[in-house]
Amino acid sequence: MRNAASTLGVIGGIIAMIVGFFSYGYTEMVGRYGEIEGLAHQLTNVELIRAAAVLSPLLAIAGGAMSKSRALWGGVLLLLACGLMYVAYGFNVGTMFPIAFTGLGGLLALLAGKPDEPKAHF
């Protein structure tokens, strides 16, 4: 389950990075060149979209990489990435796979049978 969580987290993070590039670029293009009637309009919360474009892939890839050795932390990061993408972008054709991959990866990491080894955190 940890391997599946790791794979789903990294793949979901890469897809989220692609979504983030396009969403950040869209907000920048409309901000710089203005709205085009019937084609492009500025989104309501540009700061949230831009923050999610950077943070959600970062959290997903870090959570996926962490889920083998620290399943609890990795699962929490994957679920945070999933929630951030859902809040920022909503559930649509462009975001259904990264949201599903990171959400399922987070659940698998949290439900992993083997507990983490007791280690010092610092």
PDB file of N, CA and C in Angstrom:
ATOM      1  N   MET A   1       0.823  -1.198   0.000  1.00  0.00           N
ATOM      2  CA  MET A   1       0.000   0.000   0.000  1.00  0.00           C
ATOM      3  C   MET A   1       0.861   1.255   0.000  1.00  0.00           C
ATOM      4  N   ARG A   2       2.011   1.168   0.647  1.00  0.00           N
ATOM      5  CA  ARG A   2       2.894   2.329   0.657  1.00  0.00           C
ATOM      6  C   ARG A   2       3.475   2.605  -0.716  1.00  0.00           C
ATOM      7  N   ASN A   3       3.793   1.534  -1.450  1.00  0.00           N
ATOM      8  CA  ASN A   3       4.315   1.725  -2.805  1.00  0.00           C
ATOM      9  C   ASN A   3       3.250   2.331  -3.712  1.00  0.00           C
ATOM     10  N   ALA A   4       2.021   1.865  -3.580  1.00  0.00           N
ATOM     11  CA  ALA A   4       0.931   2.426  -4.384  1.00  0.00           C
ATOM     12  C   ALA A   4       0.703   3.890  -4.022  1.00  0.00           C
ATOM     13  N   ALA A   5       0.745   4.214  -2.744  1.00  0.00           N
ATOM     14  CA  ALA A   5       0.579   5.603  -2.314  1.00  0.00           C
ATOM     15  C   ALA A   5       1.692   6.482  -2.860  1.00  0.00           C
ATOM     16  N   SER A   6       2.902   5.953  -2.842  1.00  0.00           N
ATOM     17  CA  SER A   6       4.034   6.713  -3.365  1.00  0.00           C
ATOM     18  C   SER A   6       3.888   6.967  -4.860  1.00  0.00           C
ATOM     19  N   THR A   7       3.531   5.931  -5.604  1.00  0.00           N
ATOM     20  CA  THR A   7       3.370   6.070  -7.050  1.00  0.00           C
ATOM     21  C   THR A   7       2.228   7.018  -7.391  1.00  0.00           C
ATOM     22  N   LEU A   8       1.092   6.848  -6.733  1.00  0.00           N
ATOM     23  CA  LEU A   8      -0.052   7.723  -7.001  1.00  0.00           C
ATOM     24  C   LEU A   8       0.251   9.164  -6.634  1.00  0.00           C
ATOM     25  N   GLY A   9       0.982   9.383  -5.549  1.00  0.00           N
ATOM     26  CA  GLY A   9       1.318  10.737  -5.138  1.00  0.00           C
ATOM     27  C   GLY A   9       2.233  11.443  -6.122  1.00  0.00           C
ATOM     28  N   VAL A  10       3.243  10.734  -6.601  1.00  0.00           N
ATOM     29  CA  VAL A  10       4.181  11.353  -7.541  1.00  0.00           C
ATOM     30  C   VAL A  10       3.503  11.611  -8.890  1.00  0.00           C
ATOM     31  N   ILE A  11       2.736  10.643  -9.383  1.00  0.00           N
ATOM     32  CA  ILE A  11       2.041  10.848 -10.660  1.00  0.00           C
ATOM     33  C   ILE A  11       0.997  11.950 -10.534  1.00  0.00           C
ATOM     34  N   GLY A  12       0.244  11.957  -9.437  1.00  0.00           N
ATOM     35  CA  GLY A  12      -0.724  13.029  -9.208  1.00  0.00           C
ATOM     36  C   GLY A  12      -0.062  14.387  -9.092  1.00  0.00           C
ATOM     37  N   GLY A  13       1.117  14.437  -8.480  1.00  0.00           N
ATOM     38  CA  GLY A  13       1.858  15.690  -8.370  1.00  0.00           C
ATOM     39  C   GLY A  13       2.349  16.196  -9.713  1.00  0.00           C
ATOM     40  N   ILE A  14       2.768  15.289 -10.576  1.00  0.00           N
ATOM     41  CA  ILE A  14       3.227  15.703 -11.905  1.00  0.00           C
ATOM     42  C   ILE A  14       2.055  16.243 -12.730  1.00  0.00           C
ATOM     43  N   ILE A  15       0.913  15.567 -12.658  1.00  0.00           N
ATOM     44  CA  ILE A  15      -0.258  16.072 -13.376  1.00  0.00           C
ATOM     45  C   ILE A  15      -0.714  17.402 -12.776  1.00  0.00           C
ATOM     46  N   ALA A  16      -0.644  17.524 -11.450  1.00  0.00           N
ATOM     47  CA  ALA A  16      -0.997  18.791 -10.798  1.00  0.00           C
ATOM     48  C   ALA A  16      -0.054  19.905 -11.204  1.00  0.00           C
ATOM     49  N   MET A  17       1.207  19.564 -11.479  1.00  0.00           N
ATOM     50  CA  MET A  17       2.161  20.565 -11.939  1.00  0.00           C
ATOM     51  C   MET A  17       1.762  21.088 -13.322  1.00  0.00           C
ATOM     52  N   ILE A  18       1.303  20.216 -14.183  1.00  0.00           N
ATOM     53  CA  ILE A  18       0.843  20.638 -15.512  1.00  0.00           C
ATOM     54  C   ILE A  18      -0.380  21.536 -15.389  1.00  0.00           C
ATOM     55  N   VAL A  19      -1.334  21.151 -14.534  1.00  0.00           N
ATOM     56  CA  VAL A  19      -2.514  21.985 -14.296  1.00  0.00           C
ATOM     57  C   VAL A  19      -2.091  23.328 -13.710  1.00  0.00           C
ATOM     58  N   GLY A  20      -1.116  23.313 -12.811  1.00  0.00           N
ATOM     59  CA  GLY A  20      -0.626  24.544 -12.203  1.00  0.00           C
ATOM     60  C   GLY A  20       0.032  25.479 -13.196  1.00  0.00           C
ATOM     61  N   PHE A  21       0.811  24.924 -14.132  1.00  0.00           N
ATOM     62  CA  PHE A  21       1.423  25.759 -15.171  1.00  0.00           C
ATOM     63  C   PHE A  21       0.356  26.479 -15.977  1.00  0.00           C
ATOM     64  N   PHE A  22      -0.657  25.750 -16.401  1.00  0.00           N
ATOM     65  CA  PHE A  22      -1.693  26.360 -17.227  1.00  0.00           C
ATOM     66  C   PHE A  22      -2.547  27.356 -16.444  1.00  0.00           C
ATOM     67  N   SER A  23      -2.889  27.033 -15.202  1.00  0.00           N
ATOM     68  CA  SER A  23      -3.725  27.958 -14.439  1.00  0.00           C
ATOM     69  C   SER A  23      -2.962  29.229 -14.071  1.00  0.00           C
ATOM     70  N   TYR A  24      -1.704  29.097 -13.692  1.00  0.00           N
ATOM     71  CA  TYR A  24      -0.907  30.288 -13.394  1.00  0.00           C
ATOM     72  C   TYR A  24      -0.714  31.126 -14.654  1.00  0.00           C
ATOM     73  N   GLY A  25      -0.430  30.456 -15.755  1.00  0.00           N
ATOM     74  CA  GLY A  25      -0.264  31.172 -17.020  1.00  0.00           C
ATOM     75  C   GLY A  25      -1.526  31.867 -17.483  1.00  0.00           C
ATOM     76  N   TYR A  26      -2.669  31.228 -17.260  1.00  0.00           N
ATOM     77  CA  TYR A  26      -3.942  31.837 -17.642  1.00  0.00           C
ATOM     78  C   TYR A  26      -4.195  33.111 -16.844  1.00  0.00           C
ATOM     79  N   THR A  27      -4.001  33.043 -15.522  1.00  0.00           N
ATOM     80  CA  THR A  27      -4.237  34.237 -14.705  1.00  0.00           C
ATOM     81  C   THR A  27      -3.252  35.347 -15.051  1.00  0.00           C
ATOM     82  N   GLU A  28      -2.020  34.982 -15.372  1.00  0.00           N
ATOM     83  CA  GLU A  28      -1.027  35.985 -15.756  1.00  0.00           C
ATOM     84  C   GLU A  28      -1.369  36.609 -17.104  1.00  0.00           C
ATOM     85  N   MET A  29      -1.798  35.803 -18.055  1.00  0.00           N
ATOM     86  CA  MET A  29      -2.144  36.315 -19.378  1.00  0.00           C
ATOM     87  C   MET A  29      -3.341  37.275 -19.315  1.00  0.00           C
ATOM     88  N   VAL A  30      -4.375  36.882 -18.596  1.00  0.00           N
ATOM     89  CA  VAL A  30      -5.547  37.758 -18.489  1.00  0.00           C
ATOM     90  C   VAL A  30      -5.206  39.011 -17.700  1.00  0.00           C
ATOM     91  N   GLY A  31      -4.371  38.894 -16.688  1.00  0.00           N
ATOM     92  CA  GLY A  31      -3.951  40.066 -15.924  1.00  0.00           C
ATOM     93  C   GLY A  31      -3.109  41.029 -16.737  1.00  0.00           C
ATOM     94  N   ARG A  32      -2.281  40.504 -17.612  1.00  0.00           N
ATOM     95  CA  ARG A  32      -1.392  41.347 -18.394  1.00  0.00           C
ATOM     96  C   ARG A  32      -2.070  41.928 -19.632  1.00  0.00           C
ATOM     97  N   TYR A  33      -2.822  41.128 -20.363  1.00  0.00           N
ATOM     98  CA  TYR A  33      -3.395  41.573 -21.631  1.00  0.00           C
ATOM     99  C   TYR A  33      -4.875  41.937 -21.544  1.00  0.00           C
ATOM    100  N   GLY A  34      -5.517  41.677 -20.430  1.00  0.00           N
ATOM    101  CA  GLY A  34      -6.914  42.047 -20.253  1.00  0.00           C
ATOM    102  C   GLY A  34      -7.859  40.932 -20.670  1.00  0.00           C
ATOM    103  N   GLU A  35      -9.095  41.133 -20.302  1.00  0.00           N
ATOM    104  CA  GLU A  35     -10.127  40.144 -20.600  1.00  0.00           C
ATOM    105  C   GLU A  35     -10.550  40.237 -22.059  1.00  0.00           C
ATOM    106  N   ILE A  36     -10.950  39.107 -22.607  1.00  0.00           N
ATOM    107  CA  ILE A  36     -11.473  39.035 -23.961  1.00  0.00           C
ATOM    108  C   ILE A  36     -12.926  38.597 -23.844  1.00  0.00           C
ATOM    109  N   GLU A  37     -13.827  39.431 -24.282  1.00  0.00           N
ATOM    110  CA  GLU A  37     -15.266  39.169 -24.131  1.00  0.00           C
ATOM    111  C   GLU A  37     -15.649  37.832 -24.752  1.00  0.00           C
ATOM    112  N   GLY A  38     -16.268  36.990 -23.961  1.00  0.00           N
ATOM    113  CA  GLY A  38     -16.722  35.696 -24.418  1.00  0.00           C
ATOM    114  C   GLY A  38     -15.648  34.632 -24.504  1.00  0.00           C
ATOM    115  N   LEU A  39     -14.395  34.966 -24.236  1.00  0.00           N
ATOM    116  CA  LEU A  39     -13.318  33.982 -24.364  1.00  0.00           C
ATOM    117  C   LEU A  39     -12.503  33.826 -23.080  1.00  0.00           C
ATOM    118  N   ALA A  40     -12.045  34.909 -22.519  1.00  0.00           N
ATOM    119  CA  ALA A  40     -11.192  34.841 -21.334  1.00  0.00           C
ATOM    120  C   ALA A  40     -11.591  35.926 -20.352  1.00  0.00           C
ATOM    121  N   HIS A  41     -11.809  35.527 -19.115  1.00  0.00           N
ATOM    122  CA  HIS A  41     -12.101  36.493 -18.048  1.00  0.00           C
ATOM    123  C   HIS A  41     -11.249  36.140 -16.834  1.00  0.00           C
ATOM    124  N   GLN A  42     -10.987  37.130 -16.004  1.00  0.00           N
ATOM    125  CA  GLN A  42     -10.146  36.908 -14.827  1.00  0.00           C
ATOM    126  C   GLN A  42     -10.934  36.141 -13.771  1.00  0.00           C
ATOM    127  N   LEU A  43     -10.272  35.239 -13.113  1.00  0.00           N
ATOM    128  CA  LEU A  43     -10.898  34.427 -12.078  1.00  0.00           C
ATOM    129  C   LEU A  43     -11.084  35.258 -10.812  1.00  0.00           C
ATOM    130  N   THR A  44     -11.975  34.798  -9.940  1.00  0.00           N
ATOM    131  CA  THR A  44     -12.324  35.604  -8.773  1.00  0.00           C
ATOM    132  C   THR A  44     -11.219  35.649  -7.717  1.00  0.00           C
ATOM    133  N   ASN A  45     -10.521  34.556  -7.502  1.00  0.00           N
ATOM    134  CA  ASN A  45      -9.498  34.522  -6.456  1.00  0.00           C
ATOM    135  C   ASN A  45      -8.155  34.124  -7.062  1.00  0.00           C
ATOM    136  N   VAL A  46      -7.495  35.087  -7.659  1.00  0.00           N
ATOM    137  CA  VAL A  46      -6.247  34.832  -8.373  1.00  0.00           C
ATOM    138  C   VAL A  46      -5.155  34.362  -7.429  1.00  0.00           C
ATOM    139  N   GLU A  47      -5.082  34.911  -6.223  1.00  0.00           N
ATOM    140  CA  GLU A  47      -4.031  34.528  -5.282  1.00  0.00           C
ATOM    141  C   GLU A  47      -4.154  33.066  -4.876  1.00  0.00           C
ATOM    142  N   LEU A  48      -5.381  32.594  -4.676  1.00  0.00           N
ATOM    143  CA  LEU A  48      -5.591  31.188  -4.328  1.00  0.00           C
ATOM    144  C   LEU A  48      -5.180  30.276  -5.480  1.00  0.00           C
ATOM    145  N   ILE A  49      -5.530  30.644  -6.700  1.00  0.00           N
ATOM    146  CA  ILE A  49      -5.163  29.842  -7.867  1.00  0.00           C
ATOM    147  C   ILE A  49      -3.647  29.770  -8.008  1.00  0.00           C
ATOM    148  N   ARG A  50      -2.981  30.896  -7.845  1.00  0.00           N
ATOM    149  CA  ARG A  50      -1.519  30.911  -7.986  1.00  0.00           C
ATOM    150  C   ARG A  50      -0.828  30.163  -6.856  1.00  0.00           C
ATOM    151  N   ALA A  51      -1.348  30.288  -5.644  1.00  0.00           N
ATOM    152  CA  ALA A  51      -0.771  29.548  -4.521  1.00  0.00           C
ATOM    153  C   ALA A  51      -0.966  28.045  -4.705  1.00  0.00           C
ATOM    154  N   ALA A  52      -2.143  27.649  -5.164  1.00  0.00           N
ATOM    155  CA  ALA A  52      -2.401  26.223  -5.399  1.00  0.00           C
ATOM    156  C   ALA A  52      -1.570  25.691  -6.551  1.00  0.00           C
ATOM    157  N   ALA A  53      -1.274  26.534  -7.533  1.00  0.00           N
ATOM    158  CA  ALA A  53      -0.449  26.108  -8.664  1.00  0.00           C
ATOM    159  C   ALA A  53       0.949  25.718  -8.214  1.00  0.00           C
ATOM    160  N   VAL A  54       1.437  26.347  -7.156  1.00  0.00           N
ATOM    161  CA  VAL A  54       2.780  26.050  -6.652  1.00  0.00           C
ATOM    162  C   VAL A  54       2.736  25.011  -5.533  1.00  0.00           C
ATOM    163  N   LEU A  55       1.813  25.173  -4.596  1.00  0.00           N
ATOM    164  CA  LEU A  55       1.820  24.340  -3.398  1.00  0.00           C
ATOM    165  C   LEU A  55       1.262  22.938  -3.600  1.00  0.00           C
ATOM    166  N   SER A  56       0.216  22.788  -4.406  1.00  0.00           N
ATOM    167  CA  SER A  56      -0.385  21.461  -4.518  1.00  0.00           C
ATOM    168  C   SER A  56       0.546  20.440  -5.177  1.00  0.00           C
ATOM    169  N   PRO A  57       1.263  20.748  -6.268  1.00  0.00           N
ATOM    170  CA  PRO A  57       2.216  19.759  -6.769  1.00  0.00           C
ATOM    171  C   PRO A  57       3.361  19.494  -5.798  1.00  0.00           C
ATOM    172  N   LEU A  58       3.797  20.538  -5.103  1.00  0.00           N
ATOM    173  CA  LEU A  58       4.873  20.378  -4.125  1.00  0.00           C
ATOM    174  C   LEU A  58       4.450  19.434  -3.002  1.00  0.00           C
ATOM    175  N   LEU A  59       3.248  19.645  -2.457  1.00  0.00           N
ATOM    176  CA  LEU A  59       2.750  18.790  -1.385  1.00  0.00           C
ATOM    177  C   LEU A  59       2.532  17.365  -1.875  1.00  0.00           C
ATOM    178  N   ALA A  60       2.017  17.214  -3.091  1.00  0.00           N
ATOM    179  CA  ALA A  60       1.738  15.878  -3.617  1.00  0.00           C
ATOM    180  C   ALA A  60       3.022  15.090  -3.855  1.00  0.00           C
ATOM    181  N   ILE A  61       4.007  15.705  -4.468  1.00  0.00           N
ATOM    182  CA  ILE A  61       5.261  14.991  -4.743  1.00  0.00           C
ATOM    183  C   ILE A  61       6.015  14.703  -3.447  1.00  0.00           C
ATOM    184  N   ALA A  62       6.035  15.655  -2.536  1.00  0.00           N
ATOM    185  CA  ALA A  62       6.693  15.417  -1.250  1.00  0.00           C
ATOM    186  C   ALA A  62       5.957  14.338  -0.456  1.00  0.00           C
ATOM    187  N   GLY A  63       4.632  14.367  -0.465  1.00  0.00           N
ATOM    188  CA  GLY A  63       3.866  13.336   0.230  1.00  0.00           C
ATOM    189  C   GLY A  63       4.051  11.967  -0.376  1.00  0.00           C
ATOM    190  N   GLY A  64       4.102  11.908  -1.697  1.00  0.00           N
ATOM    191  CA  GLY A  64       4.347  10.624  -2.339  1.00  0.00           C
ATOM    192  C   GLY A  64       5.731  10.084  -2.041  1.00  0.00           C
ATOM    193  N   ALA A  65       6.717  10.956  -2.043  1.00  0.00           N
ATOM    194  CA  ALA A  65       8.074  10.517  -1.737  1.00  0.00           C
ATOM    195  C   ALA A  65       8.219  10.103  -0.279  1.00  0.00           C
ATOM    196  N   MET A  66       7.456  10.728   0.595  1.00  0.00           N
ATOM    197  CA  MET A  66       7.543  10.461   2.020  1.00  0.00           C
ATOM    198  C   MET A  66       6.743   9.237   2.452  1.00  0.00           C
ATOM    199  N   SER A  67       5.793   8.813   1.642  1.00  0.00           N
ATOM    200  CA  SER A  67       4.840   7.808   2.100  1.00  0.00           C
ATOM    201  C   SER A  67       5.453   6.433   2.335  1.00  0.00           C
ATOM    202  N   LYS A  68       6.603   6.143   1.767  1.00  0.00           N
ATOM    203  CA  LYS A  68       7.232   4.842   2.037  1.00  0.00           C
ATOM    204  C   LYS A  68       7.827   4.781   3.431  1.00  0.00           C
ATOM    205  N   SER A  69       8.508   5.825   3.834  1.00  0.00           N
ATOM    206  CA  SER A  69       9.169   5.788   5.137  1.00  0.00           C
ATOM    207  C   SER A  69       8.306   6.393   6.237  1.00  0.00           C
ATOM    208  N   ARG A  70       7.558   7.411   5.946  1.00  0.00           N
ATOM    209  CA  ARG A  70       6.675   8.074   6.911  1.00  0.00           C
ATOM    210  C   ARG A  70       5.271   8.147   6.330  1.00  0.00           C
ATOM    211  N   ALA A  71       4.524   7.054   6.466  1.00  0.00           N
ATOM    212  CA  ALA A  71       3.220   6.952   5.820  1.00  0.00           C
ATOM    213  C   ALA A  71       2.228   7.976   6.366  1.00  0.00           C
ATOM    214  N   LEU A  72       2.259   8.248   7.647  1.00  0.00           N
ATOM    215  CA  LEU A  72       1.308   9.199   8.220  1.00  0.00           C
ATOM    216  C   LEU A  72       1.545  10.597   7.677  1.00  0.00           C
ATOM    217  N   TRP A  73       2.771  11.049   7.699  1.00  0.00           N
ATOM    218  CA  TRP A  73       3.083  12.388   7.191  1.00  0.00           C
ATOM    219  C   TRP A  73       2.816  12.480   5.693  1.00  0.00           C
ATOM    220  N   GLY A  74       3.237  11.458   4.953  1.00  0.00           N
ATOM    221  CA  GLY A  74       3.001  11.444   3.516  1.00  0.00           C
ATOM    222  C   GLY A  74       1.519  11.455   3.187  1.00  0.00           C
ATOM    223  N   GLY A  75       0.733  10.682   3.921  1.00  0.00           N
ATOM    224  CA  GLY A  75      -0.705  10.658   3.690  1.00  0.00           C
ATOM    225  C   GLY A  75      -1.367  11.990   3.984  1.00  0.00           C
ATOM    226  N   VAL A  76      -0.930  12.643   5.040  1.00  0.00           N
ATOM    227  CA  VAL A  76      -1.490  13.951   5.372  1.00  0.00           C
ATOM    228  C   VAL A  76      -1.135  14.980   4.285  1.00  0.00           C
ATOM    229  N   LEU A  77       0.100  14.949   3.810  1.00  0.00           N
ATOM    230  CA  LEU A  77       0.489  15.873   2.744  1.00  0.00           C
ATOM    231  C   LEU A  77      -0.280  15.607   1.461  1.00  0.00           C
ATOM    232  N   LEU A  78      -0.488  14.349   1.129  1.00  0.00           N
ATOM    233  CA  LEU A  78      -1.253  14.009  -0.073  1.00  0.00           C
ATOM    234  C   LEU A  78      -2.707  14.478   0.050  1.00  0.00           C
ATOM    235  N   LEU A  79      -3.301  14.297   1.212  1.00  0.00           N
ATOM    236  CA  LEU A  79      -4.683  14.755   1.399  1.00  0.00           C
ATOM    237  C   LEU A  79      -4.778  16.281   1.409  1.00  0.00           C
ATOM    238  N   LEU A  80      -3.757  16.965   1.925  1.00  0.00           N
ATOM    239  CA  LEU A  80      -3.728  18.422   1.853  1.00  0.00           C
ATOM    240  C   LEU A  80      -3.637  18.904   0.405  1.00  0.00           C
ATOM    241  N   ALA A  81      -2.816  18.238  -0.394  1.00  0.00           N
ATOM    242  CA  ALA A  81      -2.703  18.589  -1.810  1.00  0.00           C
ATOM    243  C   ALA A  81      -4.023  18.357  -2.524  1.00  0.00           C
ATOM    244  N   CYS A  82      -4.671  17.253  -2.213  1.00  0.00           N
ATOM    245  CA  CYS A  82      -5.968  16.935  -2.813  1.00  0.00           C
ATOM    246  C   CYS A  82      -7.005  17.999  -2.453  1.00  0.00           C
ATOM    247  N   GLY A  83      -7.081  18.354  -1.195  1.00  0.00           N
ATOM    248  CA  GLY A  83      -8.038  19.369  -0.761  1.00  0.00           C
ATOM    249  C   GLY A  83      -7.756  20.738  -1.342  1.00  0.00           C
ATOM    250  N   LEU A  84      -6.486  21.101  -1.426  1.00  0.00           N
ATOM    251  CA  LEU A  84      -6.121  22.402  -1.990  1.00  0.00           C
ATOM    252  C   LEU A  84      -6.489  22.492  -3.461  1.00  0.00           C
ATOM    253  N   MET A  85      -6.261  21.419  -4.203  1.00  0.00           N
ATOM    254  CA  MET A  85      -6.647  21.425  -5.622  1.00  0.00           C
ATOM    255  C   MET A  85      -8.164  21.506  -5.773  1.00  0.00           C
ATOM    256  N   TYR A  86      -8.893  20.799  -4.917  1.00  0.00           N
ATOM    257  CA  TYR A  86     -10.349  20.831  -5.015  1.00  0.00           C
ATOM    258  C   TYR A  86     -10.894  22.221  -4.694  1.00  0.00           C
ATOM    259  N   VAL A  87     -10.355  22.857  -3.667  1.00  0.00           N
ATOM    260  CA  VAL A  87     -10.821  24.191  -3.285  1.00  0.00           C
ATOM    261  C   VAL A  87     -10.454  25.226  -4.348  1.00  0.00           C
ATOM    262  N   ALA A  88      -9.248  25.145  -4.866  1.00  0.00           N
ATOM    263  CA  ALA A  88      -8.781  26.165  -5.805  1.00  0.00           C
ATOM    264  C   ALA A  88      -9.376  25.993  -7.196  1.00  0.00           C
ATOM    265  N   TYR A  89      -9.378  24.750  -7.708  1.00  0.00           N
ATOM    266  CA  TYR A  89      -9.765  24.524  -9.099  1.00  0.00           C
ATOM    267  C   TYR A  89     -11.143  23.912  -9.254  1.00  0.00           C
ATOM    268  N   GLY A  90     -11.660  23.264  -8.232  1.00  0.00           N
ATOM    269  CA  GLY A  90     -12.893  22.516  -8.367  1.00  0.00           C
ATOM    270  C   GLY A  90     -12.614  21.174  -9.021  1.00  0.00           C
ATOM    271  N   PHE A  91     -13.668  20.381  -9.152  1.00  0.00           N
ATOM    272  CA  PHE A  91     -13.543  19.058  -9.766  1.00  0.00           C
ATOM    273  C   PHE A  91     -14.051  19.152 -11.189  1.00  0.00           C
ATOM    274  N   ASN A  92     -13.145  19.049 -12.149  1.00  0.00           N
ATOM    275  CA  ASN A  92     -13.529  19.134 -13.558  1.00  0.00           C
ATOM    276  C   ASN A  92     -12.645  18.196 -14.367  1.00  0.00           C
ATOM    277  N   VAL A  93     -12.759  18.275 -15.678  1.00  0.00           N
ATOM    278  CA  VAL A  93     -12.044  17.339 -16.531  1.00  0.00           C
ATOM    279  C   VAL A  93     -10.526  17.494 -16.417  1.00  0.00           C
ATOM    280  N   GLY A  94     -10.030  18.658 -16.116  1.00  0.00           N
ATOM    281  CA  GLY A  94      -8.591  18.872 -15.996  1.00  0.00           C
ATOM    282  C   GLY A  94      -8.016  18.469 -14.658  1.00  0.00           C
ATOM    283  N   THR A  95      -8.868  18.424 -13.644  1.00  0.00           N
ATOM    284  CA  THR A  95      -8.361  18.153 -12.299  1.00  0.00           C
ATOM    285  C   THR A  95      -8.825  16.834 -11.716  1.00  0.00           C
ATOM    286  N   MET A  96      -9.624  16.080 -12.439  1.00  0.00           N
ATOM    287  CA  MET A  96     -10.153  14.861 -11.833  1.00  0.00           C
ATOM    288  C   MET A  96      -9.056  13.830 -11.550  1.00  0.00           C
ATOM    289  N   PHE A  97      -8.065  13.705 -12.424  1.00  0.00           N
ATOM    290  CA  PHE A  97      -7.023  12.715 -12.178  1.00  0.00           C
ATOM    291  C   PHE A  97      -6.064  13.123 -11.067  1.00  0.00           C
ATOM    292  N   PRO A  98      -5.550  14.363 -11.033  1.00  0.00           N
ATOM    293  CA  PRO A  98      -4.666  14.670  -9.897  1.00  0.00           C
ATOM    294  C   PRO A  98      -5.389  14.644  -8.556  1.00  0.00           C
ATOM    295  N   ILE A  99      -6.655  15.058  -8.523  1.00  0.00           N
ATOM    296  CA  ILE A  99      -7.406  15.001  -7.272  1.00  0.00           C
ATOM    297  C   ILE A  99      -7.636  13.558  -6.858  1.00  0.00           C
ATOM    298  N   ALA A 100      -8.029  12.718  -7.808  1.00  0.00           N
ATOM    299  CA  ALA A 100      -8.272  11.311  -7.490  1.00  0.00           C
ATOM    300  C   ALA A 100      -6.986  10.589  -7.104  1.00  0.00           C
ATOM    301  N   PHE A 101      -5.899  10.831  -7.819  1.00  0.00           N
ATOM    302  CA  PHE A 101      -4.638  10.156  -7.518  1.00  0.00           C
ATOM    303  C   PHE A 101      -4.111  10.553  -6.147  1.00  0.00           C
ATOM    304  N   THR A 102      -4.107  11.848  -5.858  1.00  0.00           N
ATOM    305  CA  THR A 102      -3.571  12.277  -4.563  1.00  0.00           C
ATOM    306  C   THR A 102      -4.497  11.883  -3.419  1.00  0.00           C
ATOM    307  N   GLY A 103      -5.804  11.924  -3.646  1.00  0.00           N
ATOM    308  CA  GLY A 103      -6.743  11.509  -2.604  1.00  0.00           C
ATOM    309  C   GLY A 103      -6.623  10.030  -2.283  1.00  0.00           C
ATOM    310  N   LEU A 104      -6.579   9.200  -3.328  1.00  0.00           N
ATOM    311  CA  LEU A 104      -6.431   7.764  -3.105  1.00  0.00           C
ATOM    312  C   LEU A 104      -5.061   7.438  -2.515  1.00  0.00           C
ATOM    313  N   GLY A 105      -4.024   8.103  -2.996  1.00  0.00           N
ATOM    314  CA  GLY A 105      -2.694   7.889  -2.427  1.00  0.00           C
ATOM    315  C   GLY A 105      -2.637   8.266  -0.958  1.00  0.00           C
ATOM    316  N   GLY A 106      -3.288   9.369  -0.591  1.00  0.00           N
ATOM    317  CA  GLY A 106      -3.329   9.773   0.813  1.00  0.00           C
ATOM    318  C   GLY A 106      -4.062   8.769   1.681  1.00  0.00           C
ATOM    319  N   LEU A 107      -5.185   8.264   1.184  1.00  0.00           N
ATOM    320  CA  LEU A 107      -5.921   7.251   1.956  1.00  0.00           C
ATOM    321  C   LEU A 107      -5.126   5.959   2.095  1.00  0.00           C
ATOM    322  N   LEU A 108      -4.486   5.529   1.019  1.00  0.00           N
ATOM    323  CA  LEU A 108      -3.678   4.311   1.098  1.00  0.00           C
ATOM    324  C   LEU A 108      -2.508   4.474   2.059  1.00  0.00           C
ATOM    325  N   ALA A 109      -1.900   5.648   2.057  1.00  0.00           N
ATOM    326  CA  ALA A 109      -0.781   5.884   2.979  1.00  0.00           C
ATOM    327  C   ALA A 109      -1.258   5.875   4.428  1.00  0.00           C
ATOM    328  N   LEU A 110      -2.422   6.451   4.686  1.00  0.00           N
ATOM    329  CA  LEU A 110      -2.934   6.465   6.056  1.00  0.00           C
ATOM    330  C   LEU A 110      -3.393   5.082   6.511  1.00  0.00           C
ATOM    331  N   LEU A 111      -3.869   4.267   5.570  1.00  0.00           N
ATOM    332  CA  LEU A 111      -4.361   2.943   5.920  1.00  0.00           C
ATOM    333  C   LEU A 111      -3.293   1.856   5.815  1.00  0.00           C
ATOM    334  N   ALA A 112      -2.047   2.231   5.573  1.00  0.00           N
ATOM    335  CA  ALA A 112      -0.972   1.246   5.460  1.00  0.00           C
ATOM    336  C   ALA A 112      -0.882   0.442   6.757  1.00  0.00           C
ATOM    337  N   GLY A 113      -0.787  -0.869   6.620  1.00  0.00           N
ATOM    338  CA  GLY A 113      -0.841  -1.743   7.786  1.00  0.00           C
ATOM    339  C   GLY A 113       0.352  -1.640   8.708  1.00  0.00           C
ATOM    340  N   LYS A 114       1.536  -1.504   8.140  1.00  0.00           N
ATOM    341  CA  LYS A 114       2.748  -1.475   8.959  1.00  0.00           C
ATOM    342  C   LYS A 114       2.913  -0.096   9.585  1.00  0.00           C
ATOM    343  N   PRO A 115       2.994  -0.012  10.900  1.00  0.00           N
ATOM    344  CA  PRO A 115       3.193   1.321  11.504  1.00  0.00           C
ATOM    345  C   PRO A 115       4.601   1.845  11.247  1.00  0.00           C
ATOM    346  N   ASP A 116       4.717   3.154  11.329  1.00  0.00           N
ATOM    347  CA  ASP A 116       6.029   3.781  11.157  1.00  0.00           C
ATOM    348  C   ASP A 116       6.953   3.383  12.298  1.00  0.00           C
ATOM    349  N   GLU A 117       8.243   3.342  11.984  1.00  0.00           N
ATOM    350  CA  GLU A 117       9.230   3.049  13.003  1.00  0.00           C
ATOM    351  C   GLU A 117       9.353   4.231  13.948  1.00  0.00           C
ATOM    352  N   PRO A 118       9.535   3.975  15.226  1.00  0.00           N
ATOM    353  CA  PRO A 118       9.726   5.105  16.145  1.00  0.00           C
ATOM    354  C   PRO A 118      11.103   5.734  15.920  1.00  0.00           C
ATOM    355  N   LYS A 119      11.122   6.952  15.399  1.00  0.00           N
ATOM    356  CA  LYS A 119      12.354   7.675  15.131  1.00  0.00           C
ATOM    357  C   LYS A 119      12.226   9.078  15.706  1.00  0.00           C
ATOM    358  N   ALA A 120      13.347   9.671  15.977  1.00  0.00           N
ATOM    359  CA  ALA A 120      13.351  11.066  16.373  1.00  0.00           C
ATOM    360  C   ALA A 120      13.012  11.929  15.163  1.00  0.00           C
ATOM    361  N   HIS A 121      12.230  12.948  15.364  1.00  0.00           N
ATOM    362  CA  HIS A 121      11.799  13.796  14.252  1.00  0.00           C
ATOM    363  C   HIS A 121      12.831  14.827  13.853  1.00  0.00           C
ATOM    364  N   PHE A 122      13.817  15.070  14.674  1.00  0.00           N
ATOM    365  CA  PHE A 122      14.800  16.093  14.387  1.00  0.00           C
ATOM    366  C   PHE A 122      16.186  15.520  14.407  1.00  0.00           C
TER     367      PHE A 122
END
